[in-house]
Amino acid sequence: MQLNENIRYSPEVREAILNGRPVVALESTIISHGMPYPQNVETAKNCERIVREEGAVPATCAILGGELCVGLTEEQLEYLGRTGMAVTKTSRRDIAVVAARRGDGALTVAGTMILASMAGVRVFATGGIGGVHRGATETMDISADLDELGRTSVAVVCAGAKSILDIGLTLEYLETKGVPVIGYRTDEMPAFYTRSSGFGVDYRMDEPAEIAAVLDKRRELNIEGGTLIVNPIPEEHSMDKAKIDAVIEAAVEKANRLGIKGKKITPFLLAEIKDVTGGSSLEANIALVYNNVRLAARIAGAMKNR
């Protein structure tokens, strides 16, 4: 495979892609904007460790000094974690600006999908995707993640849409964009902190190899666009649905009162939920990320057409 000259590959990722070894993309917004320091750096390092344990190569993606990086050093992970929200939260609209200004960018789900696709990485593990925000019929607040899934051929493994969102409308939007939603050992769309949302998925598949075969077939048939693979949070870490729903409702109301919108809304809500739950939501968040990373590595390892 020919490498993309616009990407700065780590030596490990470069070698893996050139030799057809499985690679899993990882995002950097979860480091800078999703968790506090030092748990963010510890979580990022553990995600990379899990990928390697499963026989794949981790490719954490970020923009550093204007360079589009696929695969980071421990020092770079530490930098992103310590710098935190001072790093620009970077999605599709921001990538060229941050790169041209030789700035630093922590990539969202959409941003990571773009760099992964450019680099030739086809599987990406994250916590939860963005989606249609509550009240979007008036605000039109819809995450760029959904459009990216409709246009960029990268498979995304997640624990569903974040439960701060309107999950029903998120699924409707994904259907409109032609994105298949595959439930891993579940018939239901998980809701990030909980295993259940009350909404069904398009297909249930019980083995990583079965999912890998679908991804291989999509590439063989040249069907463009992403695939969403939803993996419920492990049972022992799932939070009480009624309790977390009440906390989220209160957090959303507070954000509305304070006029918090756009890029700032998700970090605000996650921080508010963490504070109200005494940190248990952060523990759940970390557990589900590890669970997704492990599944993504197994899917990547089972793919024949890398």
Foldseek 3Di string as FASTA:
>chain_A
DDFQPQADEDPVLVVCVVVVFFEAEEFFLCQQQVDAPPVSLVLVVVLQVLLVVLPGGYFYWWQAQLGTYTRDDSVVSVVSNVCHPVAAADAPVCNNVCNVVRHIYGYALRRRLVSCQNGVHAEYEDEEHWAAAPPCVPVVDGDVNLVSQLAGRHEYEYQAHALRGDRVVRVVSNVVSVEAEEEAQDQARGHRLAGHDPHGGPYYDHDLLVVLVVSQVCVVVVPGGYYYYHYHQDPVLRDDPVVLNVQSVVQVVVCVVVVDDDPRNPSSSSVSSCVVVVNSSVVSSSRRRSVRSNSRSRNSNSHPPD
